[in-house]
Amino acid sequence: MDRQKPLRSSLVYRSPVFAVYEEEITLPNGKIVEVSRIDHRRTVSVVPFKKNGSVVMIRQYRPAIGDYLLEIPAGRVNDDGESCEECAQREMAEEIGYRAKKLVKLFEGYLVPGYGNEYMYYYLAIELYRESLPPDEDEYIEPLEMPVETVLQMFRKAEITDSKTALGILMAADYLRHHRMLP
């Protein structure tokens, strides 16, 4: 889908992760409005599944909320031509010390289209094997192995509040049950 060219666009802020723009645009009904927009690189998230019926989650400190979240591994696709699958493998190696022999794409879509264009690809990783990369310096992460059913119960009790993780776990559980990999 091609983005309509704004009438006016001003870069307000640029970071290594995203850029913020103030723009004047014409809506489909012809009305001219001012909007703020966040431009973000593609991202991936991964549900690492082990043969014993557990998933490898991460407990990650998130400075934006000043607290820890229980999440699935995720990160930004590098601008150097890295594919989404390569990014998924790299993020797992950095965050949980595993890679996967097989990645299954579960879904892809926009995270917050009301103000940003971040587009995320969701994967299920199976046939995990140990291989680690040094973690990112700006992250504090603890890997945790948990049964899928425990993670689903935590989601139902609102103990998991990260939306990418909730969506990833629900889609992974559906796939695993459909393919008789979970009871």
C-alpha atoms as a PDB file:
ATOM      1  CA  MET A   1       0.000   0.000   0.000  1.00  0.00           C
ATOM      2  CA  ASP A   2       1.431   3.360  -1.018  1.00  0.00           C
ATOM      3  CA  ARG A   3       1.364   6.139   1.538  1.00  0.00           C
ATOM      4  CA  GLN A   4      -0.183   9.369   0.277  1.00  0.00           C
ATOM      5  CA  LYS A   5       2.375  12.150  -0.021  1.00  0.00           C
ATOM      6  CA  PRO A   6       1.854  14.750   2.747  1.00  0.00           C
ATOM      7  CA  LEU A   7       1.304  18.410   1.868  1.00  0.00           C
ATOM      8  CA  ARG A   8       3.937  19.303   4.466  1.00  0.00           C
ATOM      9  CA  SER A   9       6.281  17.100   6.499  1.00  0.00           C
ATOM     10  CA  SER A  10       8.751  18.147   9.208  1.00  0.00           C
ATOM     11  CA  LEU A  11      11.167  15.843  10.990  1.00  0.00           C
ATOM     12  CA  VAL A  12      10.777  16.592  14.702  1.00  0.00           C
ATOM     13  CA  TYR A  13      13.086  13.939  16.186  1.00  0.00           C
ATOM     14  CA  ARG A  14      15.274  11.075  14.989  1.00  0.00           C
ATOM     15  CA  SER A  15      16.678   8.260  17.118  1.00  0.00           C
ATOM     16  CA  PRO A  16      18.410   5.020  16.149  1.00  0.00           C
ATOM     17  CA  VAL A  17      15.020   3.292  16.547  1.00  0.00           C
ATOM     18  CA  PHE A  18      12.444   5.663  15.031  1.00  0.00           C
ATOM     19  CA  ALA A  19      11.757   9.127  13.632  1.00  0.00           C
ATOM     20  CA  VAL A  20       8.887  11.472  14.541  1.00  0.00           C
ATOM     21  CA  TYR A  21       7.254  13.664  11.896  1.00  0.00           C
ATOM     22  CA  GLU A  22       4.640  16.426  12.066  1.00  0.00           C
ATOM     23  CA  GLU A  23       2.672  16.459   8.832  1.00  0.00           C
ATOM     24  CA  GLU A  24      -0.182  18.119   7.059  1.00  0.00           C
ATOM     25  CA  ILE A  25      -2.205  15.608   5.047  1.00  0.00           C
ATOM     26  CA  THR A  26      -5.372  15.425   3.003  1.00  0.00           C
ATOM     27  CA  LEU A  27      -7.878  12.837   4.236  1.00  0.00           C
ATOM     28  CA  PRO A  28      -9.831  10.742   1.691  1.00  0.00           C
ATOM     29  CA  ASN A  29     -12.810  13.093   2.189  1.00  0.00           C
ATOM     30  CA  GLY A  30     -10.671  16.096   1.159  1.00  0.00           C
ATOM     31  CA  LYS A  31     -10.284  17.574   4.645  1.00  0.00           C
ATOM     32  CA  ILE A  32      -6.762  18.851   5.458  1.00  0.00           C
ATOM     33  CA  VAL A  33      -5.484  17.938   8.945  1.00  0.00           C
ATOM     34  CA  GLU A  34      -2.242  17.974  10.935  1.00  0.00           C
ATOM     35  CA  VAL A  35      -0.966  14.651  12.277  1.00  0.00           C
ATOM     36  CA  SER A  36       2.035  13.279  14.125  1.00  0.00           C
ATOM     37  CA  ARG A  37       3.603  10.115  12.733  1.00  0.00           C
ATOM     38  CA  ILE A  38       6.277   7.731  13.974  1.00  0.00           C
ATOM     39  CA  ASP A  39       8.375   6.052  11.270  1.00  0.00           C
ATOM     40  CA  HIS A  40       9.787   2.718  12.478  1.00  0.00           C
ATOM     41  CA  ARG A  41      11.745  -0.144  10.918  1.00  0.00           C
ATOM     42  CA  ARG A  42      10.198  -3.601  10.483  1.00  0.00           C
ATOM     43  CA  THR A  43      10.229  -5.783  13.590  1.00  0.00           C
ATOM     44  CA  VAL A  44       9.891  -9.462  14.440  1.00  0.00           C
ATOM     45  CA  SER A  45       8.717 -11.452  17.437  1.00  0.00           C
ATOM     46  CA  VAL A  46       9.325 -15.128  18.077  1.00  0.00           C
ATOM     47  CA  VAL A  47       7.680 -17.807  20.215  1.00  0.00           C
ATOM     48  CA  PRO A  48      10.508 -20.315  20.913  1.00  0.00           C
ATOM     49  CA  PHE A  49       8.880 -23.727  21.485  1.00  0.00           C
ATOM     50  CA  LYS A  50      10.681 -26.689  23.065  1.00  0.00           C
ATOM     51  CA  LYS A  51       9.772 -30.349  22.528  1.00  0.00           C
ATOM     52  CA  ASN A  52       8.827 -30.688  26.214  1.00  0.00           C
ATOM     53  CA  GLY A  53       5.829 -28.361  25.691  1.00  0.00           C
ATOM     54  CA  SER A  54       7.399 -25.227  27.080  1.00  0.00           C
ATOM     55  CA  VAL A  55       8.298 -21.884  25.563  1.00  0.00           C
ATOM     56  CA  VAL A  56      11.306 -19.716  26.301  1.00  0.00           C
ATOM     57  CA  MET A  57      10.062 -16.333  27.464  1.00  0.00           C
ATOM     58  CA  ILE A  58      12.056 -13.313  28.567  1.00  0.00           C
ATOM     59  CA  ARG A  59      11.647 -11.105  31.599  1.00  0.00           C
ATOM     60  CA  GLN A  60      12.756  -7.724  30.326  1.00  0.00           C
ATOM     61  CA  TYR A  61      13.155  -4.385  32.063  1.00  0.00           C
ATOM     62  CA  ARG A  62      11.345  -1.713  30.049  1.00  0.00           C
ATOM     63  CA  PRO A  63      12.507   1.828  30.934  1.00  0.00           C
ATOM     64  CA  ALA A  64       9.459   3.415  29.235  1.00  0.00           C
ATOM     65  CA  ILE A  65       7.177   1.907  31.901  1.00  0.00           C
ATOM     66  CA  GLY A  66       9.784   1.590  34.663  1.00  0.00           C
ATOM     67  CA  ASP A  67       9.021  -2.082  35.216  1.00  0.00           C
ATOM     68  CA  TYR A  68       9.589  -5.629  33.985  1.00  0.00           C
ATOM     69  CA  LEU A  69       7.428  -7.348  31.385  1.00  0.00           C
ATOM     70  CA  LEU A  70       7.156 -11.022  30.533  1.00  0.00           C
ATOM     71  CA  GLU A  71       7.610 -11.165  26.761  1.00  0.00           C
ATOM     72  CA  ILE A  72       8.562 -13.253  23.785  1.00  0.00           C
ATOM     73  CA  PRO A  73      11.886 -12.418  22.095  1.00  0.00           C
ATOM     74  CA  ALA A  74      11.577  -9.567  19.595  1.00  0.00           C
ATOM     75  CA  GLY A  75      13.550  -6.866  17.852  1.00  0.00           C
ATOM     76  CA  ARG A  76      14.154  -4.632  14.859  1.00  0.00           C
ATOM     77  CA  VAL A  77      15.244  -5.856  11.446  1.00  0.00           C
ATOM     78  CA  ASN A  78      18.665  -4.426  10.593  1.00  0.00           C
ATOM     79  CA  ASP A  79      18.913  -2.020   7.667  1.00  0.00           C
ATOM     80  CA  ASP A  80      21.775  -4.012   6.111  1.00  0.00           C
ATOM     81  CA  GLY A  81      19.515  -6.314   4.084  1.00  0.00           C
ATOM     82  CA  GLU A  82      18.756  -8.680   6.971  1.00  0.00           C
ATOM     83  CA  SER A  83      15.651 -10.794   6.315  1.00  0.00           C
ATOM     84  CA  CYS A  84      12.906 -11.156   8.897  1.00  0.00           C
ATOM     85  CA  GLU A  85      13.894 -14.809   9.404  1.00  0.00           C
ATOM     86  CA  GLU A  86      17.555 -13.845   9.966  1.00  0.00           C
ATOM     87  CA  CYS A  87      16.406 -11.200  12.446  1.00  0.00           C
ATOM     88  CA  ALA A  88      14.275 -13.753  14.311  1.00  0.00           C
ATOM     89  CA  GLN A  89      17.251 -16.119  14.600  1.00  0.00           C
ATOM     90  CA  ARG A  90      19.580 -13.297  15.716  1.00  0.00           C
ATOM     91  CA  GLU A  91      17.146 -11.988  18.331  1.00  0.00           C
ATOM     92  CA  MET A  92      16.714 -15.474  19.816  1.00  0.00           C
ATOM     93  CA  ALA A  93      20.489 -15.997  19.942  1.00  0.00           C
ATOM     94  CA  GLU A  94      20.965 -12.607  21.659  1.00  0.00           C
ATOM     95  CA  GLU A  95      18.059 -12.835  24.078  1.00  0.00           C
ATOM     96  CA  ILE A  96      17.682 -16.531  24.993  1.00  0.00           C
ATOM     97  CA  GLY A  97      20.786 -18.301  23.642  1.00  0.00           C
ATOM     98  CA  TYR A  98      18.953 -20.446  21.063  1.00  0.00           C
ATOM     99  CA  ARG A  99      18.367 -20.614  17.337  1.00  0.00           C
ATOM    100  CA  ALA A 100      15.786 -22.776  15.558  1.00  0.00           C
ATOM    101  CA  LYS A 101      15.996 -25.334  12.762  1.00  0.00           C
ATOM    102  CA  LYS A 102      12.511 -24.280  11.691  1.00  0.00           C
ATOM    103  CA  LEU A 103      10.603 -20.986  11.743  1.00  0.00           C
ATOM    104  CA  VAL A 104       6.875 -20.897  11.012  1.00  0.00           C
ATOM    105  CA  LYS A 105       5.396 -17.516  10.113  1.00  0.00           C
ATOM    106  CA  LEU A 106       2.208 -17.079  12.141  1.00  0.00           C
ATOM    107  CA  PHE A 107       1.117 -13.554  11.263  1.00  0.00           C
ATOM    108  CA  GLU A 108       2.240 -10.099  10.194  1.00  0.00           C
ATOM    109  CA  GLY A 109       0.680  -6.703  10.731  1.00  0.00           C
ATOM    110  CA  TYR A 110       0.823  -3.161  12.077  1.00  0.00           C
ATOM    111  CA  LEU A 111       1.263  -2.645  15.828  1.00  0.00           C
ATOM    112  CA  VAL A 112      -0.068   0.901  16.365  1.00  0.00           C
ATOM    113  CA  PRO A 113      -1.351   2.268  13.040  1.00  0.00           C
ATOM    114  CA  GLY A 114      -3.046   5.213  14.744  1.00  0.00           C
ATOM    115  CA  TYR A 115       0.297   7.009  14.897  1.00  0.00           C
ATOM    116  CA  GLY A 116       3.059   4.700  13.667  1.00  0.00           C
ATOM    117  CA  ASN A 117       3.997   2.400  10.804  1.00  0.00           C
ATOM    118  CA  GLU A 118       5.784  -0.302  12.835  1.00  0.00           C
ATOM    119  CA  TYR A 119       5.099  -3.601  11.054  1.00  0.00           C
ATOM    120  CA  MET A 120       5.765  -6.838  12.956  1.00  0.00           C
ATOM    121  CA  TYR A 121       6.276 -10.403  11.730  1.00  0.00           C
ATOM    122  CA  TYR A 122       5.359 -13.181  14.200  1.00  0.00           C
ATOM    123  CA  TYR A 123       7.143 -16.539  14.127  1.00  0.00           C
ATOM    124  CA  LEU A 124       6.987 -19.844  15.935  1.00  0.00           C
ATOM    125  CA  ALA A 125      10.456 -21.327  16.395  1.00  0.00           C
ATOM    126  CA  ILE A 126      10.713 -25.104  16.696  1.00  0.00           C
ATOM    127  CA  GLU A 127      13.581 -27.574  16.942  1.00  0.00           C
ATOM    128  CA  LEU A 128      15.652 -25.219  19.078  1.00  0.00           C
ATOM    129  CA  TYR A 129      19.374 -25.666  19.515  1.00  0.00           C
ATOM    130  CA  ARG A 130      21.880 -23.818  21.680  1.00  0.00           C
ATOM    131  CA  GLU A 131      23.699 -20.933  20.026  1.00  0.00           C
ATOM    132  CA  SER A 132      24.167 -17.562  21.597  1.00  0.00           C
ATOM    133  CA  LEU A 133      25.260 -14.096  20.580  1.00  0.00           C
ATOM    134  CA  PRO A 134      26.244 -11.248  22.901  1.00  0.00           C
ATOM    135  CA  PRO A 135      23.145  -9.389  24.158  1.00  0.00           C
ATOM    136  CA  ASP A 136      22.388  -5.794  23.199  1.00  0.00           C
ATOM    137  CA  GLU A 137      24.034  -3.356  25.627  1.00  0.00           C
ATOM    138  CA  ASP A 138      20.846  -1.363  26.190  1.00  0.00           C
ATOM    139  CA  GLU A 139      18.724  -4.322  27.341  1.00  0.00           C
ATOM    140  CA  TYR A 140      18.356  -6.195  30.631  1.00  0.00           C
ATOM    141  CA  ILE A 141      16.841  -9.612  29.898  1.00  0.00           C
ATOM    142  CA  GLU A 142      16.374 -12.850  31.858  1.00  0.00           C
ATOM    143  CA  PRO A 143      15.283 -15.948  29.858  1.00  0.00           C
ATOM    144  CA  LEU A 144      12.629 -18.144  31.504  1.00  0.00           C
ATOM    145  CA  GLU A 145      11.348 -21.527  30.342  1.00  0.00           C
ATOM    146  CA  MET A 146       7.643 -22.037  31.040  1.00  0.00           C
ATOM    147  CA  PRO A 147       4.981 -24.566  29.981  1.00  0.00           C
ATOM    148  CA  VAL A 148       2.711 -23.161  27.272  1.00  0.00           C
ATOM    149  CA  GLU A 149      -0.350 -23.772  29.451  1.00  0.00           C
ATOM    150  CA  THR A 150       1.190 -21.732  32.298  1.00  0.00           C
ATOM    151  CA  VAL A 151       1.831 -18.838  29.910  1.00  0.00           C
ATOM    152  CA  LEU A 152      -1.770 -19.047  28.627  1.00  0.00           C
ATOM    153  CA  GLN A 153      -3.073 -18.980  32.217  1.00  0.00           C
ATOM    154  CA  MET A 154      -0.906 -15.925  32.944  1.00  0.00           C
ATOM    155  CA  PHE A 155      -2.390 -14.231  29.885  1.00  0.00           C
ATOM    156  CA  ARG A 156      -5.939 -15.029  31.043  1.00  0.00           C
ATOM    157  CA  LYS A 157      -5.156 -13.574  34.507  1.00  0.00           C
ATOM    158  CA  ALA A 158      -3.721 -10.367  32.923  1.00  0.00           C
ATOM    159  CA  GLU A 159      -0.257 -11.206  34.255  1.00  0.00           C
ATOM    160  CA  ILE A 160       1.078 -10.800  30.712  1.00  0.00           C
ATOM    161  CA  THR A 161       0.355  -7.263  29.573  1.00  0.00           C
ATOM    162  CA  ASP A 162       2.553  -7.018  26.474  1.00  0.00           C
ATOM    163  CA  SER A 163       0.255  -7.181  23.449  1.00  0.00           C
ATOM    164  CA  LYS A 164       2.804  -8.637  20.987  1.00  0.00           C
ATOM    165  CA  THR A 165       3.439 -11.445  23.467  1.00  0.00           C
ATOM    166  CA  ALA A 166      -0.260 -12.128  24.016  1.00  0.00           C
ATOM    167  CA  LEU A 167      -0.919 -12.294  20.274  1.00  0.00           C
ATOM    168  CA  GLY A 168       2.194 -14.393  19.594  1.00  0.00           C
ATOM    169  CA  ILE A 169       1.408 -16.910  22.354  1.00  0.00           C
ATOM    170  CA  LEU A 170      -2.251 -17.272  21.319  1.00  0.00           C
ATOM    171  CA  MET A 171      -1.332 -17.819  17.660  1.00  0.00           C
ATOM    172  CA  ALA A 172       1.476 -20.236  18.574  1.00  0.00           C
ATOM    173  CA  ALA A 173      -0.785 -22.265  20.869  1.00  0.00           C
ATOM    174  CA  ASP A 174      -3.410 -22.450  18.118  1.00  0.00           C
ATOM    175  CA  TYR A 175      -0.802 -23.630  15.582  1.00  0.00           C
ATOM    176  CA  LEU A 176       0.704 -26.166  18.019  1.00  0.00           C
ATOM    177  CA  ARG A 177      -2.706 -27.627  18.900  1.00  0.00           C
ATOM    178  CA  HIS A 178      -3.790 -27.745  15.254  1.00  0.00           C
ATOM    179  CA  HIS A 179      -0.594 -29.658  14.394  1.00  0.00           C
ATOM    180  CA  ARG A 180      -0.982 -31.934  17.440  1.00  0.00           C
ATOM    181  CA  MET A 181       2.191 -30.666  19.082  1.00  0.00           C
ATOM    182  CA  LEU A 182       0.257 -29.714  22.254  1.00  0.00           C
ATOM    183  CA  PRO A 183      -2.551 -31.546  24.054  1.00  0.00           C
END
